[in-house]
């Protein structure tokens, strides 16, 4: 049930409904029939008060514990259901998770304080801390020392594998991610972190069809979306294929590396092959992408071949799993 908020004169009438099989919550002006618990004395008579109504069967709306109402001294008679075998902190985490998924607690929103949630649910600070830890381990909130807990649910960038590498489908001189991000309202930036020549790693050699340890050029990039780290890209090229081109140089290549690769080799591109896997990041990867605990990464390997099927480039991408979604048009017959 959605939230219905109305303003009438100087007062406020708010109705919210939820259902977890435990209770339904409404907000009404405090009167003699509804007195606050001893843990929150002195609620002004003009302040609306959250009351429980049993018999609901839909999911919750957490506007009942939003910061504005709680900051005004609103008390809530919410309680963890003692007859439910699910631990109390899991019940509270489920309520907050549901509010986040419904965008009632949007990205960047500050969660009510531990004290406020203690008063709302009638539980100890340890139970609230465990509920917030649960959400933090799921990557849904981040905590800042002395500031509280904040929702982390950034808008996702859609990576469309079907057309992104077609130069005919994007403006001249733009890279695939640059063009895609622009159409989705993101500001994308790319930093060239390193360019080096060295021995080919085994996991790259098999895809590039060269001997392990043979010389390759690797170009490493860090990409950001709206100023936040979003993905890394390490691209490997056989040295013999790109020697004498701009690819081994530490410089941004006008028109992109693929335009330079086609020019330097005189070859045309055939279909690329991509394979993805999801996993948890290493500590170094978490630091590089500024990932909070509980955030997975998506590792993508892409092999670009020429029209004859010979590999020309192998790239390993690492995506922040909370910032990306992946789509492709799949052939069927």
Protein backbone atom coordinates (compact mmCIF):
# COMPACT_ATOMS: atom_id res chain seq x y z
CA UNK A 1 0.00 0.00 0.00
CA UNK A 2 1.46 3.35 -1.01
CA UNK A 3 2.03 6.30 1.26
CA UNK A 4 -0.65 9.02 1.33
CA UNK A 5 0.52 12.36 2.73
CA UNK A 6 -1.74 15.38 3.09
CA UNK A 7 -1.31 18.82 4.68
CA UNK A 8 -4.33 20.44 6.30
CA UNK A 9 -3.83 23.88 7.77
CA UNK A 10 -0.90 23.84 10.18
CA UNK A 11 -1.33 20.15 11.00
CA UNK A 12 -0.34 17.08 9.09
CA UNK A 13 -2.30 13.96 8.40
CA UNK A 14 -0.21 11.05 7.25
CA UNK A 15 -1.43 7.55 6.57
CA UNK A 16 0.89 4.66 5.92
CA UNK A 17 0.09 0.99 5.59
CA UNK A 18 2.31 -2.05 5.68
CA UNK A 19 2.02 -5.71 6.16
CA UNK A 20 4.50 -8.29 7.20
CA UNK A 21 1.95 -10.42 8.95
CA UNK A 22 2.73 -8.41 12.11
CA UNK A 23 1.03 -5.05 12.07
CA UNK A 24 -0.31 -2.10 10.14
CA UNK A 25 0.89 1.40 10.97
CA UNK A 26 -1.03 4.62 10.74
CA UNK A 27 -0.20 8.14 11.93
CA UNK A 28 -2.77 10.34 13.64
CA UNK A 29 -2.72 13.42 15.90
CA UNK A 30 -2.00 12.45 19.46
CA UNK A 31 -5.00 12.52 21.80
CA UNK A 32 -5.97 11.26 25.24
CA UNK A 33 -6.51 7.77 23.90
CA UNK A 34 -2.93 7.47 22.71
CA UNK A 35 -0.09 8.30 25.07
CA UNK A 36 3.63 7.93 24.31
CA UNK A 37 5.72 5.28 26.00
CA UNK A 38 7.95 6.28 28.88
CA UNK A 39 11.03 6.04 26.66
CA UNK A 40 9.88 9.10 24.66
CA UNK A 41 8.15 11.51 27.05
CA UNK A 42 6.92 15.00 26.32
CA UNK A 43 5.55 14.59 22.80
CA UNK A 44 3.71 17.86 21.95
CA UNK A 45 -0.03 17.50 21.46
CA UNK A 46 0.18 18.81 17.89
CA UNK A 47 2.70 16.13 16.93
CA UNK A 48 1.27 13.14 15.03
CA UNK A 49 1.80 9.79 16.68
CA UNK A 50 2.40 6.42 15.07
CA UNK A 51 -0.07 3.76 16.18
CA UNK A 52 -0.38 0.06 15.43
CA UNK A 53 -3.31 -1.59 13.75
CA UNK A 54 -3.24 -5.35 13.39
CA UNK A 55 -4.51 -7.50 10.57
CA UNK A 56 -2.48 -6.20 7.61
CA UNK A 57 -1.18 -8.42 4.81
CA UNK A 58 0.97 -6.30 2.51
CA UNK A 59 4.58 -5.14 2.75
CA UNK A 60 5.78 -2.20 4.93
CA UNK A 61 6.21 1.49 4.26
CA UNK A 62 9.04 2.88 6.34
CA UNK A 63 7.91 6.49 6.13
CA UNK A 64 6.74 5.79 9.67
CA UNK A 65 10.35 6.03 10.82
CA UNK A 66 11.57 8.71 8.44
CA UNK A 67 14.00 11.22 9.90
CA UNK A 68 11.62 14.17 9.64
CA UNK A 69 8.96 12.58 11.82
CA UNK A 70 11.45 11.13 14.28
CA UNK A 71 13.31 14.41 14.54
CA UNK A 72 10.02 16.05 15.55
CA UNK A 73 9.71 13.65 18.43
CA UNK A 74 7.23 11.25 16.89
CA UNK A 75 7.20 7.95 18.74
CA UNK A 76 6.32 4.64 17.15
CA UNK A 77 4.89 1.60 18.85
CA UNK A 78 6.57 -0.74 16.39
CA UNK A 79 7.74 -3.99 17.87
CA UNK A 80 9.59 -7.02 16.67
CA UNK A 81 7.16 -9.93 16.49
CA UNK A 82 8.16 -12.22 19.40
CA UNK A 83 6.14 -15.14 17.99
CA UNK A 84 8.18 -15.07 14.78
CA UNK A 85 11.20 -17.43 15.06
CA UNK A 86 13.16 -15.06 12.81
CA UNK A 87 15.68 -13.12 14.93
CA UNK A 88 14.64 -9.56 15.71
CA UNK A 89 17.55 -7.94 13.91
CA UNK A 90 16.66 -9.92 10.75
CA UNK A 91 13.06 -8.64 10.93
CA UNK A 92 14.27 -5.05 11.29
CA UNK A 93 16.80 -5.46 8.46
CA UNK A 94 14.00 -6.83 6.25
CA UNK A 95 11.85 -3.74 6.93
CA UNK A 96 14.71 -1.39 6.06
CA UNK A 97 15.70 -3.45 3.02
CA UNK A 98 12.14 -3.30 1.73
CA UNK A 99 12.05 0.47 2.19
CA UNK A 100 15.32 0.78 0.26
CA UNK A 101 14.05 -1.42 -2.59
CA UNK A 102 10.91 0.75 -2.86
CA UNK A 103 13.02 3.92 -2.90
CA UNK A 104 11.33 5.12 0.28
CA UNK A 105 14.89 5.34 1.58
CA UNK A 106 16.66 6.49 -1.62
CA UNK A 107 20.33 6.40 -2.49
CA UNK A 108 22.29 8.67 -0.14
CA UNK A 109 19.51 8.88 2.45
CA UNK A 110 20.59 8.76 6.07
CA UNK A 111 18.97 6.01 8.09
CA UNK A 112 17.31 6.97 11.37
CA UNK A 113 19.82 6.89 14.23
CA UNK A 114 20.32 3.85 16.44
CA UNK A 115 18.49 5.66 19.23
CA UNK A 116 15.56 6.47 16.95
CA UNK A 117 15.27 2.91 15.71
CA UNK A 118 15.56 1.60 19.28
CA UNK A 119 12.56 3.74 20.19
CA UNK A 120 10.65 2.72 17.06
CA UNK A 121 11.14 -1.02 17.50
CA UNK A 122 11.52 -1.27 21.26
CA UNK A 123 14.79 -3.20 21.10
CA UNK A 124 18.33 -2.78 22.36
CA UNK A 125 21.09 -0.90 20.60
CA UNK A 126 22.84 -4.22 19.96
CA UNK A 127 19.86 -5.51 17.96
CA UNK A 128 19.74 -2.35 15.85
CA UNK A 129 23.51 -2.52 15.29
CA UNK A 130 23.20 -6.10 14.06
CA UNK A 131 20.40 -5.11 11.67
CA UNK A 132 22.51 -2.29 10.21
CA UNK A 133 25.55 -4.60 10.00
CA UNK A 134 23.40 -7.05 8.03
CA UNK A 135 22.55 -4.35 5.49
CA UNK A 136 26.14 -3.15 5.38
CA UNK A 137 27.34 -6.69 4.63
CA UNK A 138 24.82 -6.81 1.80
CA UNK A 139 26.26 -3.59 0.36
CA UNK A 140 22.98 -1.69 0.85
CA UNK A 141 24.28 0.83 3.39
CA UNK A 142 27.58 2.37 4.31
CA UNK A 143 28.48 3.66 7.76
CA UNK A 144 30.53 6.76 8.52
CA UNK A 145 32.15 7.25 11.88
CA UNK A 146 30.24 9.80 13.89
CA UNK A 147 27.71 10.43 11.10
CA UNK A 148 25.53 7.32 10.91
CA UNK A 149 24.42 4.88 8.21
CA UNK A 150 23.54 5.90 4.64
CA UNK A 151 21.81 4.07 1.81
CA UNK A 152 24.07 3.00 -1.06
CA UNK A 153 21.93 2.15 -4.05
CA UNK A 154 23.42 4.08 -6.97
CA UNK A 155 21.73 4.34 -10.35
CA UNK A 156 22.93 1.56 -12.61
CA UNK A 157 24.65 2.06 -15.93
CA UNK A 158 23.35 -0.39 -18.56
CA UNK A 159 26.07 -2.01 -20.62
CA UNK A 160 24.43 -3.15 -23.86
CA UNK A 161 26.65 -5.77 -25.46
CA UNK A 162 24.60 -5.93 -28.68
CA UNK A 163 25.55 -2.65 -30.36
CA UNK A 164 28.12 -0.89 -28.19
CA UNK A 165 31.10 -1.85 -30.40
CA UNK A 166 29.50 -0.81 -33.68
CA UNK A 167 31.24 2.38 -34.74
CA UNK A 168 28.26 3.12 -36.98
CA UNK A 169 26.05 3.25 -33.87
CA UNK A 170 27.91 6.03 -32.07
CA UNK A 171 29.34 9.47 -32.91
CA UNK A 172 32.78 9.58 -34.53
CA UNK A 173 35.64 9.73 -32.06
CA UNK A 174 33.66 8.44 -29.08
CA UNK A 175 34.39 5.25 -27.18
CA UNK A 176 31.59 2.73 -26.54
CA UNK A 177 31.21 3.55 -22.83
CA UNK A 178 31.41 7.28 -23.50
CA UNK A 179 28.55 7.10 -26.00
CA UNK A 180 26.43 4.77 -23.86
CA UNK A 181 26.92 6.78 -20.69
CA UNK A 182 25.96 10.01 -22.43
CA UNK A 183 22.63 8.62 -23.65
CA UNK A 184 21.86 7.41 -20.11
CA UNK A 185 22.60 10.74 -18.44
CA UNK A 186 25.91 9.80 -16.85
CA UNK A 187 29.13 11.80 -16.94
CA UNK A 188 31.85 9.31 -17.84
CA UNK A 189 35.56 9.91 -17.52
CA UNK A 190 38.55 7.71 -18.23
CA UNK A 191 42.01 7.80 -16.69
CA UNK A 192 44.96 6.10 -18.34
CA UNK A 193 46.71 4.57 -15.33
CA UNK A 194 49.60 2.69 -16.94
CA UNK A 195 51.04 1.43 -20.22
CA UNK A 196 53.69 -1.26 -20.03
CA UNK A 197 55.40 -3.99 -22.04
CA UNK A 198 56.01 -7.29 -20.29
CA UNK A 199 55.48 -11.06 -20.26
CA UNK A 200 52.01 -12.34 -21.02
CA UNK A 201 50.13 -13.85 -18.03
CA UNK A 202 48.84 -17.39 -18.45
CA UNK A 203 45.15 -16.45 -18.23
CA UNK A 204 45.66 -13.93 -21.04
CA UNK A 205 47.93 -16.11 -23.20
CA UNK A 206 45.31 -18.79 -23.76
CA UNK A 207 42.78 -16.23 -24.96
CA UNK A 208 45.31 -14.32 -27.05
CA UNK A 209 46.68 -17.59 -28.51
CA UNK A 210 50.30 -16.76 -27.70
CA UNK A 211 52.85 -18.46 -25.47
CA UNK A 212 52.78 -17.64 -21.76
CA UNK A 213 55.55 -15.14 -21.11
CA UNK A 214 55.69 -13.82 -24.67
CA UNK A 215 55.90 -10.01 -24.90
CA UNK A 216 52.64 -8.07 -24.77
CA UNK A 217 51.60 -4.46 -24.32
CA UNK A 218 49.06 -3.78 -21.57
CA UNK A 219 47.09 -0.56 -21.24
CA UNK A 220 45.33 -0.03 -17.89
CA UNK A 221 42.40 2.35 -17.40
CA UNK A 222 40.14 3.45 -14.57
CA UNK A 223 36.66 4.61 -15.59
CA UNK A 224 34.38 6.79 -13.49
CA UNK A 225 30.66 7.55 -13.64
CA UNK A 226 29.57 10.91 -12.23
CA UNK A 227 32.99 11.22 -10.60
CA UNK A 228 32.88 7.85 -8.79
CA UNK A 229 35.10 4.85 -9.69
CA UNK A 230 32.98 2.36 -11.63
CA UNK A 231 35.22 -0.05 -13.53
CA UNK A 232 38.77 -0.92 -14.51
CA UNK A 233 40.01 -2.18 -17.87
CA UNK A 234 43.31 -3.92 -18.64
CA UNK A 235 43.83 -4.47 -22.39
CA UNK A 236 46.55 -6.77 -23.74
CA UNK A 237 48.03 -6.72 -27.27
CA UNK A 238 50.78 -8.91 -28.80
CA UNK A 239 53.83 -6.67 -29.03
CA UNK A 240 54.64 -7.92 -32.51
CA UNK A 241 51.18 -6.81 -33.66
CA UNK A 242 51.23 -3.23 -32.35
CA UNK A 243 54.95 -2.35 -32.29
CA UNK A 244 55.49 0.98 -34.05
CA UNK A 245 51.91 2.15 -33.40
CA UNK A 246 50.69 4.54 -30.71
CA UNK A 247 49.33 1.68 -28.59
CA UNK A 248 52.60 1.03 -26.64
CA UNK A 249 52.86 4.76 -25.83
CA UNK A 250 51.57 6.33 -22.60
CA UNK A 251 49.14 8.66 -24.29
CA UNK A 252 45.44 9.05 -24.98
CA UNK A 253 44.79 7.89 -28.54
CA UNK A 254 42.49 10.15 -30.57
CA UNK A 255 39.58 8.15 -31.90
CA UNK A 256 40.23 5.32 -29.46
CA UNK A 257 42.56 2.35 -29.32
CA UNK A 258 40.46 0.24 -31.70
CA UNK A 259 40.71 2.80 -34.48
CA UNK A 260 44.49 2.79 -33.98
CA UNK A 261 44.55 -1.02 -33.88
CA UNK A 262 42.70 -1.24 -37.20
CA UNK A 263 44.94 1.41 -38.77
CA UNK A 264 48.21 -0.12 -37.53
CA UNK A 265 47.41 -3.69 -38.55
CA UNK A 266 45.37 -3.06 -41.70
CA UNK A 267 42.88 -5.67 -40.51
CA UNK A 268 39.12 -5.54 -40.14
CA UNK A 269 37.36 -6.71 -37.00
CA UNK A 270 35.32 -9.84 -36.71
CA UNK A 271 32.93 -10.75 -33.84
CA UNK A 272 34.18 -10.31 -30.29
CA UNK A 273 33.71 -12.90 -27.55
CA UNK A 274 32.77 -11.93 -23.99
CA UNK A 275 32.59 -14.08 -20.86
CA UNK A 276 31.47 -12.86 -17.42
CA UNK A 277 31.73 -14.10 -13.89
CA UNK A 278 30.56 -12.63 -10.58
CA UNK A 279 32.70 -12.81 -7.45
CA UNK A 280 33.74 -10.92 -4.37
CA UNK A 281 36.61 -8.46 -4.80
CA UNK A 282 40.11 -8.69 -3.40
CA UNK A 283 41.13 -6.03 -0.83
CA UNK A 284 43.15 -4.25 -3.52
CA UNK A 285 40.17 -4.20 -5.91
CA UNK A 286 37.87 -2.91 -3.16
CA UNK A 287 40.28 -0.08 -2.46
CA UNK A 288 40.67 0.82 -6.14
CA UNK A 289 36.91 0.92 -6.80
CA UNK A 290 36.08 2.23 -3.28
CA UNK A 291 33.72 -0.67 -2.66
CA UNK A 292 31.95 -0.95 0.70
CA UNK A 293 31.72 -4.39 2.35
CA UNK A 294 29.30 -6.79 0.72
CA UNK A 295 29.65 -5.36 -2.80
CA UNK A 296 30.42 -7.95 -5.49
CA UNK A 297 32.27 -7.32 -8.71
CA UNK A 298 31.64 -8.59 -12.21
CA UNK A 299 34.75 -9.71 -14.08
CA UNK A 300 34.42 -9.66 -17.85
CA UNK A 301 36.91 -11.02 -20.37
CA UNK A 302 36.60 -9.79 -23.95
CA UNK A 303 38.55 -11.16 -26.92
CA UNK A 304 38.55 -9.09 -30.11
CA UNK A 305 39.39 -11.05 -33.27
CA UNK A 306 40.01 -10.02 -36.84
CA UNK A 307 37.77 -11.13 -39.68
CA UNK A 308 39.87 -14.28 -40.08
CA UNK A 309 39.37 -15.23 -36.42
CA UNK A 310 42.87 -14.34 -35.13
CA UNK A 311 42.85 -12.65 -31.66
CA UNK A 312 44.06 -9.05 -31.69
CA UNK A 313 43.25 -7.86 -28.17
CA UNK A 314 42.21 -9.39 -24.86
CA UNK A 315 40.69 -7.13 -22.20
CA UNK A 316 39.85 -7.85 -18.58
CA UNK A 317 37.21 -5.55 -17.10
CA UNK A 318 36.23 -5.30 -13.45
CA UNK A 319 32.85 -3.70 -12.71
CA UNK A 320 31.39 -2.42 -9.46
CA UNK A 321 28.44 -4.80 -9.17
CA UNK A 322 26.22 -2.13 -7.58
CA UNK A 323 26.68 0.38 -10.41
CA UNK A 324 26.14 -1.78 -13.49
CA UNK A 325 23.56 -3.89 -15.26
CA UNK A 326 24.21 -5.94 -18.37
CA UNK A 327 22.01 -6.49 -21.40
CA UNK A 328 22.27 -8.10 -24.81
CA UNK A 329 20.00 -9.08 -27.65
CA UNK A 330 20.13 -12.86 -27.91
CA UNK A 331 19.66 -14.61 -31.28
CA UNK A 332 16.88 -17.19 -31.35
CA UNK A 333 15.44 -19.54 -33.97
